[in-house]
Structures are given as C-alpha cells and as structure tokens.
C-alpha cells in the first residue's frame, strides 16, 4: 500500500476515535421529568439527577434539568454538610425497563463524629393560593447502612431522616425518620451486625406524638437486597398562614408494590407560614456511621385545591404501571404516644445555621 494511503488511513482512524471520544464526553441533554411536563404549572421543580455530575456540594446545579424546572432556581436547593461524600453514581436495582442511568448518592464519613447530611427542596414557601404541596423522591440504602441509637454509648448514627416540614423559623420540624424515642436506646443496625434490629419508620411531630408507617417497615425493605422505595410527603391547609394543617405521607416498595400510607395527620398549628418541605437525607451525629443512601427523581408540586393527591410515580423509574397511594379517608385517630415528649436535641454546633432541622 502506498505510504500516502497509510497516512490517510491513520488520519481517518484518528478522526473516528476523536469523534467516538467526543460522543462519550458530551453532556446529556437537559430534559425535565415527563410527569413534571404533564403537570404544567403544578410542577414546582424537578431534579431527575440522571447524568454523571461526579462529586457535588452545596448549591449544585444538576446538569440534566432544564432551567425552567430545576430546583436550584430557589436559593436553598442542595444542602450538604459533615464528612459525607455526595456524588452521582451508576444506577442499579431499579425496576426492569427503567430509563435511569445515574442517581445521586450520599456516603457517610468513616471519621469519628463526622456526620453525613444532604437535603433537597425547591420553593420553601407557600403562596396564598397553595392549598397542598408535596415532594416525592426515590431512595435505597446499602446493606451495611448504620441504624440509630444514643451516640453517647457509641452508636453510629443519632437518627436517620427522610423528609421534613417546617413552619416559620421553628426548630421543631415534622419529620419522617428512623429514630428511637422510647426505652433504652441501644444501637440498631442491619441483620447480621450483632446490633438491635432497625427501628420502624415513623413520622413525628417532636412534641410527643409519633405515627408509625408499619411496625415491619424499615431499611431492610429499601436496601440493596430488597430494591428501591418511593417516598412521598404532602402538607395541606392554609399553608401561607400555617393554620388547619394536615399531613399525608407514604412509602412504597417498588419490588412488590407495598404502600404504607399515613393520612390526614393533624399536626400542631403554630400560626406561621410554611417555610420548608424537603427531602432531609440526614445520617449521622454519631460514631463512625457507615453506608450509602441513593436518591433519584426528586420532584416538588403545589396545587390550589386539596383532593388528597400525591405526585405519584415517575415514568422514568416505574414506567406507566406505578400508582400513587390514595389517602385513607378514615385514618387511625390514635397515633403512637411518645412517653418522651422532649427528645434529645441535636447538637447544633455541627451544622451551619441554615441547615438545622
């Protein structure tokens, strides 16, 4: 073969290689979650987190969400603190046929007393026309995920949170979490760890009342062995004034479709407007917490009418087979009592003032 032909072939091969590398390196197109598009103005914001953004920190702008619907248009979007590592990682364990490639993750620090915290929320206030506001996201934890317990006796994590609602500047939020509020607070952990079993998930007002989703629902239902879960939290009433407030919340296991819903929870009205509804991914303030929590497809929505609606399933995660649980019109009026109405306060010196409970 003539030498100039060989040179031409080398240049052609190099050009193809450059094009191939360039195709891999190109960022994903910013596309809103399909359900957000369908909801129109009721969709406050959406963050699929379905692109490889690598490590991220405070105020991160995820690259796959369009400007019009991204949550970081609000000043208090992504909060991070402690020694945790926050990054996007390759998706695994989601339902067959999903359209998800990357998810966000929060990996606990292994340094003593370094906690891990991450939260997502969009618009933190309610307008006068908002009668109902909700958030929804998906989560899964690694099989070694630390449980809770008293950090004074060396437990890895003081509490593990999922979501919260706050009114005004109150330091007493309403939260979904694993938290030991009664009895001797020994350390909990996964099966085989030699620790006490995980506590069941509760919704608490931190004023002496807890509601349990189900006595058998805990992190083992949403770990690597069991698969992903969908978390939803809604608040309704006169949100702008903080009056006549009720809460609906649900946790759904994607593998077998079990939904655990708490409906029409009466929470204490404090006469102050809604100041936060968020995914509060808090895992720490203990001794060497371990494990990773994965998060995907966060969305916030608001409506001018309250019909007990949730946001429901993301097409990209569950296809069109996912359904949103309907609130129970006649919930159990007797929530679980908490004999300790004044839970141990979280040490605030570890957290920036804007990232408190």
Protein backbone atom coordinates (compact mmCIF):
# COMPACT_ATOMS: atom_id res chain seq x y z
CA UNK A 1 0.00 0.00 0.00
CA UNK A 2 1.45 3.41 -0.94
CA UNK A 3 2.74 5.40 2.02
CA UNK A 4 0.33 8.32 1.49
CA UNK A 5 -2.61 5.85 1.66
CA UNK A 6 -1.30 4.56 5.00
CA UNK A 7 -1.02 8.10 6.29
CA UNK A 8 -4.58 8.84 5.15
CA UNK A 9 -5.83 5.67 6.89
CA UNK A 10 -4.10 6.69 10.13
CA UNK A 11 -5.70 10.14 9.97
CA UNK A 12 -9.12 8.63 9.29
CA UNK A 13 -8.78 6.22 12.21
CA UNK A 14 -7.69 9.06 14.48
CA UNK A 15 -10.68 11.15 13.39
CA UNK A 16 -13.11 8.31 14.12
CA UNK A 17 -11.52 7.81 17.55
CA UNK A 18 -11.82 11.52 18.36
CA UNK A 19 -15.46 11.54 17.31
CA UNK A 20 -16.14 8.47 19.45
CA UNK A 21 -14.47 10.02 22.49
CA UNK A 22 -16.30 13.28 21.89
CA UNK A 23 -19.64 11.45 21.73
CA UNK A 24 -18.99 9.83 25.09
CA UNK A 25 -17.87 13.08 26.71
CA UNK A 26 -20.80 15.18 25.54
CA UNK A 27 -23.16 16.13 28.41
CA UNK A 28 -26.69 14.74 28.45
CA UNK A 29 -29.44 16.94 27.13
CA UNK A 30 -31.37 18.68 29.88
CA UNK A 31 -34.84 17.13 29.88
CA UNK A 32 -37.50 17.59 32.55
CA UNK A 33 -39.16 14.58 34.12
CA UNK A 34 -42.14 13.59 31.97
CA UNK A 35 -44.62 13.89 34.82
CA UNK A 36 -43.40 17.42 35.55
CA UNK A 37 -44.15 18.37 31.94
CA UNK A 38 -47.61 16.81 32.17
CA UNK A 39 -48.41 18.65 35.41
CA UNK A 40 -47.60 22.04 33.91
CA UNK A 41 -47.62 24.89 36.43
CA UNK A 42 -48.40 22.49 39.29
CA UNK A 43 -44.85 21.15 38.99
CA UNK A 44 -42.77 23.48 41.15
CA UNK A 45 -39.47 21.84 40.21
CA UNK A 46 -37.87 18.57 39.21
CA UNK A 47 -34.39 17.09 39.56
CA UNK A 48 -34.02 13.64 37.94
CA UNK A 49 -30.24 13.64 38.71
CA UNK A 50 -29.85 11.31 35.73
CA UNK A 51 -26.45 12.45 34.48
CA UNK A 52 -22.88 11.86 35.55
CA UNK A 53 -22.12 15.02 37.54
CA UNK A 54 -19.47 13.38 39.71
CA UNK A 55 -18.88 14.88 43.17
CA UNK A 56 -21.21 17.70 44.17
CA UNK A 57 -21.63 20.03 47.12
CA UNK A 58 -23.66 22.99 48.39
CA UNK A 59 -25.88 24.61 45.76
CA UNK A 60 -25.05 22.15 42.97
CA UNK A 61 -26.81 22.69 39.65
CA UNK A 62 -27.53 19.24 38.23
CA UNK A 63 -26.76 19.24 34.53
CA UNK A 64 -29.76 17.24 33.32
CA UNK A 65 -32.56 19.56 34.49
CA UNK A 66 -33.78 22.46 32.31
CA UNK A 67 -33.58 25.95 33.78
CA UNK A 68 -37.35 26.38 33.80
CA UNK A 69 -37.97 23.39 36.09
CA UNK A 70 -34.74 22.93 38.02
CA UNK A 71 -34.93 23.22 41.78
CA UNK A 72 -31.76 25.27 42.21
CA UNK A 73 -33.60 28.33 40.90
CA UNK A 74 -34.52 28.63 44.58
CA UNK A 75 -31.72 29.80 46.85
CA UNK A 76 -31.91 26.89 49.28
CA UNK A 77 -31.75 23.95 46.93
CA UNK A 78 -28.98 21.45 47.74
CA UNK A 79 -27.59 21.49 51.25
CA UNK A 80 -24.66 19.33 52.31
CA UNK A 81 -22.66 19.12 55.48
CA UNK A 82 -20.46 16.90 57.60
CA UNK A 83 -17.96 14.43 56.29
CA UNK A 84 -20.27 12.67 53.84
CA UNK A 85 -19.35 12.25 50.18
CA UNK A 86 -22.04 13.30 47.72
CA UNK A 87 -21.77 12.19 44.10
CA UNK A 88 -23.67 10.79 41.16
CA UNK A 89 -23.16 7.08 40.59
CA UNK A 90 -24.34 4.46 38.12
CA UNK A 91 -27.90 3.26 38.70
CA UNK A 92 -28.57 -0.30 39.83
CA UNK A 93 -31.51 -2.32 41.23
CA UNK A 94 -34.27 -0.17 39.74
CA UNK A 95 -37.30 -1.91 38.17
CA UNK A 96 -36.80 -3.58 34.80
CA UNK A 97 -37.39 -1.25 31.88
CA UNK A 98 -36.43 1.91 33.77
CA UNK A 99 -34.91 4.85 31.93
CA UNK A 100 -32.38 5.82 34.60
CA UNK A 101 -28.62 5.76 34.10
CA UNK A 102 -27.30 7.75 37.07
CA UNK A 103 -28.51 8.50 40.59
CA UNK A 104 -27.28 10.74 43.39
CA UNK A 105 -25.68 9.22 46.48
CA UNK A 106 -24.70 10.29 49.97
CA UNK A 107 -21.97 8.16 51.55
CA UNK A 108 -21.41 8.53 55.28
CA UNK A 109 -18.00 9.54 56.56
CA UNK A 110 -15.95 6.97 58.44
CA UNK A 111 -14.25 9.57 60.63
CA UNK A 112 -15.37 9.70 64.27
CA UNK A 113 -18.27 12.11 64.81
CA UNK A 114 -18.30 13.21 61.18
CA UNK A 115 -21.93 13.17 60.19
CA UNK A 116 -23.47 12.97 56.76
CA UNK A 117 -26.22 15.24 55.56
CA UNK A 118 -27.89 16.09 52.27
CA UNK A 119 -31.23 17.68 51.53
CA UNK A 120 -33.28 18.66 48.50
CA UNK A 121 -36.09 21.12 48.23
CA UNK A 122 -37.36 23.65 45.76
CA UNK A 123 -39.67 26.51 46.69
CA UNK A 124 -39.51 26.72 50.50
CA UNK A 125 -42.57 28.92 50.95
CA UNK A 126 -46.27 28.68 50.14
CA UNK A 127 -48.25 31.32 48.32
CA UNK A 128 -51.76 32.35 49.33
CA UNK A 129 -53.16 30.16 46.53
CA UNK A 130 -51.37 26.97 47.61
CA UNK A 131 -53.74 24.52 49.30
CA UNK A 132 -51.48 21.47 49.02
CA UNK A 133 -47.76 20.97 48.48
CA UNK A 134 -45.89 17.68 48.04
CA UNK A 135 -42.46 16.24 47.45
CA UNK A 136 -41.52 12.84 46.03
CA UNK A 137 -38.24 11.03 45.52
CA UNK A 138 -36.81 7.51 45.35
CA UNK A 139 -34.27 6.02 47.74
CA UNK A 140 -32.30 2.87 48.50
CA UNK A 141 -29.55 2.15 51.05
CA UNK A 142 -26.60 -0.21 51.07
CA UNK A 143 -26.90 -3.39 53.13
CA UNK A 144 -24.42 -2.10 55.72
CA UNK A 145 -26.37 1.11 56.40
CA UNK A 146 -25.99 2.32 60.01
CA UNK A 147 -29.07 2.40 62.19
CA UNK A 148 -29.75 4.73 65.10
CA UNK A 149 -29.13 4.95 68.82
CA UNK A 150 -27.58 7.08 71.51
CA UNK A 151 -24.24 8.42 70.32
CA UNK A 152 -23.19 8.75 73.98
CA UNK A 153 -22.80 4.97 74.04
CA UNK A 154 -21.04 4.83 70.68
CA UNK A 155 -23.91 4.30 68.26
CA UNK A 156 -23.07 5.16 64.62
CA UNK A 157 -25.99 7.49 63.99
CA UNK A 158 -28.28 9.51 66.24
CA UNK A 159 -31.07 9.47 63.66
CA UNK A 160 -31.79 8.75 60.01
CA UNK A 161 -34.17 11.17 58.32
CA UNK A 162 -36.10 11.11 55.03
CA UNK A 163 -38.23 14.24 54.86
CA UNK A 164 -39.45 17.17 56.88
CA UNK A 165 -41.93 20.03 57.03
CA UNK A 166 -41.27 23.28 58.89
CA UNK A 167 -43.34 26.36 59.63
CA UNK A 168 -41.77 29.73 60.31
CA UNK A 169 -38.38 29.56 61.97
CA UNK A 170 -39.34 26.70 64.26
CA UNK A 171 -36.57 24.32 65.27
CA UNK A 172 -39.23 21.65 65.83
CA UNK A 173 -39.97 20.23 62.40
CA UNK A 174 -42.28 17.39 61.47
CA UNK A 175 -40.14 14.54 60.12
CA UNK A 176 -40.06 11.05 58.67
CA UNK A 177 -37.18 9.13 60.16
CA UNK A 178 -35.80 6.13 61.94
CA UNK A 179 -35.41 7.38 65.50
CA UNK A 180 -35.51 5.65 68.86
CA UNK A 181 -37.77 7.76 71.03
CA UNK A 182 -38.60 5.23 73.73
CA UNK A 183 -36.86 2.78 76.03
CA UNK A 184 -33.14 2.10 76.31
CA UNK A 185 -31.68 3.50 73.12
CA UNK A 186 -29.23 0.81 72.09
CA UNK A 187 -27.60 0.85 68.67
CA UNK A 188 -29.61 -0.53 65.76
CA UNK A 189 -28.22 -1.95 62.56
CA UNK A 190 -28.69 -4.34 59.67
CA UNK A 191 -29.21 -8.09 60.01
CA UNK A 192 -26.01 -9.89 60.94
CA UNK A 193 -24.44 -6.82 62.53
CA UNK A 194 -24.97 -8.03 66.10
CA UNK A 195 -26.89 -4.81 66.86
CA UNK A 196 -30.57 -4.34 67.67
CA UNK A 197 -32.90 -4.50 64.64
CA UNK A 198 -33.66 -1.26 62.83
CA UNK A 199 -36.47 0.80 64.31
CA UNK A 200 -39.58 1.05 62.08
CA UNK A 201 -40.04 4.25 60.09
CA UNK A 202 -42.11 6.90 61.86
CA UNK A 203 -43.50 10.34 61.20
CA UNK A 204 -43.05 12.52 64.28
CA UNK A 205 -44.02 15.99 65.40
CA UNK A 206 -41.20 16.01 68.01
CA UNK A 207 -43.77 17.24 70.51
CA UNK A 208 -44.67 13.86 71.93
CA UNK A 209 -46.57 12.19 69.09
CA UNK A 210 -45.28 9.59 66.61
CA UNK A 211 -47.13 7.83 63.80
CA UNK A 212 -45.67 4.51 62.62
CA UNK A 213 -45.94 3.65 58.91
CA UNK A 214 -45.85 -0.06 59.76
CA UNK A 215 -44.14 -1.97 62.56
CA UNK A 216 -42.37 -4.12 59.97
CA UNK A 217 -41.27 -1.36 57.58
CA UNK A 218 -37.61 -0.37 57.96
CA UNK A 219 -34.37 -0.01 55.99
CA UNK A 220 -34.32 -3.73 55.10
CA UNK A 221 -37.34 -3.09 52.85
CA UNK A 222 -35.40 -0.47 50.88
CA UNK A 223 -31.85 -1.82 50.71
CA UNK A 224 -29.73 -3.48 48.02
CA UNK A 225 -31.34 -6.85 48.64
CA UNK A 226 -34.92 -5.51 48.52
CA UNK A 227 -34.65 -2.69 45.98
CA UNK A 228 -35.79 0.92 45.68
CA UNK A 229 -38.63 2.66 47.53
CA UNK A 230 -40.69 5.74 46.68
CA UNK A 231 -41.13 8.34 49.41
CA UNK A 232 -43.88 10.98 49.32
CA UNK A 233 -44.73 13.77 51.75
CA UNK A 234 -47.61 16.24 51.42
CA UNK A 235 -48.85 19.09 53.57
CA UNK A 236 -52.26 20.74 53.15
CA UNK A 237 -54.37 23.51 54.66
CA UNK A 238 -53.85 27.24 54.91
CA UNK A 239 -50.14 26.85 54.22
CA UNK A 240 -49.39 30.54 53.91
CA UNK A 241 -50.81 31.22 57.39
CA UNK A 242 -49.84 27.90 59.00
CA UNK A 243 -53.38 27.01 60.06
CA UNK A 244 -55.64 23.94 59.72
CA UNK A 245 -52.64 21.88 58.67
CA UNK A 246 -52.74 18.17 57.85
CA UNK A 247 -50.04 15.83 56.54
CA UNK A 248 -50.20 12.81 54.22
CA UNK A 249 -47.13 10.66 53.64
CA UNK A 250 -46.37 7.31 52.08
CA UNK A 251 -43.54 4.84 51.45
CA UNK A 252 -43.91 2.35 48.59
CA UNK A 253 -41.62 -0.61 47.90
CA UNK A 254 -41.05 -0.89 44.15
CA UNK A 255 -40.17 -4.58 44.09
CA UNK A 256 -43.54 -5.81 45.32
CA UNK A 257 -45.67 -2.65 45.32
CA UNK A 258 -46.46 -2.47 49.04
CA UNK A 259 -47.64 1.01 50.05
CA UNK A 260 -47.71 2.26 53.62
CA UNK A 261 -49.67 5.48 53.93
CA UNK A 262 -50.35 7.83 56.84
CA UNK A 263 -53.27 10.14 56.06
CA UNK A 264 -54.85 13.29 57.44
CA UNK A 265 -52.39 13.60 60.29
CA UNK A 266 -53.31 16.55 62.47
CA UNK A 267 -50.18 18.48 63.27
CA UNK A 268 -49.87 21.37 65.68
CA UNK A 269 -50.79 24.69 64.06
CA UNK A 270 -48.34 27.39 65.05
CA UNK A 271 -49.80 30.23 63.00
CA UNK A 272 -46.63 30.60 60.96
CA UNK A 273 -46.42 30.00 57.23
CA UNK A 274 -44.77 27.04 55.56
CA UNK A 275 -41.02 27.57 55.39
CA UNK A 276 -39.77 24.19 54.20
CA UNK A 277 -40.85 20.87 52.74
CA UNK A 278 -37.77 18.88 51.87
CA UNK A 279 -36.01 15.58 51.39
CA UNK A 280 -33.86 15.61 54.51
CA UNK A 281 -31.21 12.92 53.97
CA UNK A 282 -29.59 13.12 57.40
CA UNK A 283 -27.41 10.23 58.57
CA UNK A 284 -25.00 10.96 61.38
CA UNK A 285 -24.10 12.83 64.54
CA UNK A 286 -22.85 9.51 65.84
CA UNK A 287 -19.65 7.48 66.00
CA UNK A 288 -18.39 6.36 62.59
CA UNK A 289 -21.63 5.94 60.63
CA UNK A 290 -21.32 3.76 57.55
CA UNK A 291 -23.30 3.09 54.41
CA UNK A 292 -24.66 4.95 51.40
CA UNK A 293 -28.12 6.23 50.56
CA UNK A 294 -29.02 6.57 46.87
CA UNK A 295 -31.56 9.16 45.71
CA UNK A 296 -33.31 9.67 42.38
CA UNK A 297 -36.01 11.77 40.71
CA UNK A 298 -36.86 14.41 43.27
CA UNK A 299 -39.96 16.48 42.46
CA UNK A 300 -41.98 19.17 44.21
CA UNK A 301 -45.55 20.11 43.28
CA UNK A 302 -48.21 22.54 44.53
CA UNK A 303 -51.93 22.82 43.85
CA UNK A 304 -54.62 25.37 44.61
CA UNK A 305 -57.01 22.56 45.62
CA UNK A 306 -56.58 19.77 48.16
CA UNK A 307 -58.01 16.49 46.91
CA UNK A 308 -55.65 14.28 48.88
CA UNK A 309 -53.42 13.85 45.83
CA UNK A 310 -49.80 12.72 45.79
CA UNK A 311 -47.30 13.34 43.00
CA UNK A 312 -47.10 9.63 42.20
CA UNK A 313 -44.72 7.52 40.16
CA UNK A 314 -42.03 8.75 37.79
CA UNK A 315 -42.42 7.22 34.33
CA UNK A 316 -38.64 7.06 34.00
CA UNK A 317 -38.38 4.88 37.11
CA UNK A 318 -41.61 2.86 37.21
CA UNK A 319 -42.97 3.18 33.68
CA UNK A 320 -46.72 3.73 33.46
CA UNK A 321 -47.54 0.99 35.95
CA UNK A 322 -46.78 3.00 39.08
CA UNK A 323 -49.69 4.38 41.06
CA UNK A 324 -49.84 6.91 43.83
CA UNK A 325 -51.42 5.70 47.06
CA UNK A 326 -54.78 7.23 47.92
CA UNK A 327 -55.08 8.74 51.40
CA UNK A 328 -57.20 6.76 53.83
CA UNK A 329 -60.39 8.78 54.45
CA UNK A 330 -60.68 7.32 57.95
CA UNK A 331 -57.18 7.11 59.45
CA UNK A 332 -56.40 5.73 62.87
CA UNK A 333 -57.14 8.65 65.21
CA UNK A 334 -54.82 7.33 67.91
CA UNK A 335 -51.18 7.82 66.92
CA UNK A 336 -48.43 6.11 68.82
CA UNK A 337 -47.77 8.00 72.06
CA UNK A 338 -44.26 9.10 72.83
CA UNK A 339 -43.51 8.93 76.56
CA UNK A 340 -40.52 11.17 75.98
CA UNK A 341 -42.09 14.43 74.75
CA UNK A 342 -38.77 16.23 74.76
CA UNK A 343 -36.38 14.24 72.54
CA UNK A 344 -32.73 14.88 72.94
CA UNK A 345 -31.88 17.95 70.85
CA UNK A 346 -29.45 17.51 68.04
CA UNK A 347 -26.14 19.25 68.66
CA UNK A 348 -26.42 22.36 66.56
CA UNK A 349 -22.78 23.31 66.65
CA UNK A 350 -22.00 20.74 63.98
CA UNK A 351 -24.35 22.28 61.40
CA UNK A 352 -24.44 25.67 59.69
CA UNK A 353 -27.41 27.71 60.98
CA UNK A 354 -29.26 27.48 57.66
CA UNK A 355 -29.08 23.67 57.70
CA UNK A 356 -30.65 22.94 61.08
CA UNK A 357 -33.59 20.57 61.37
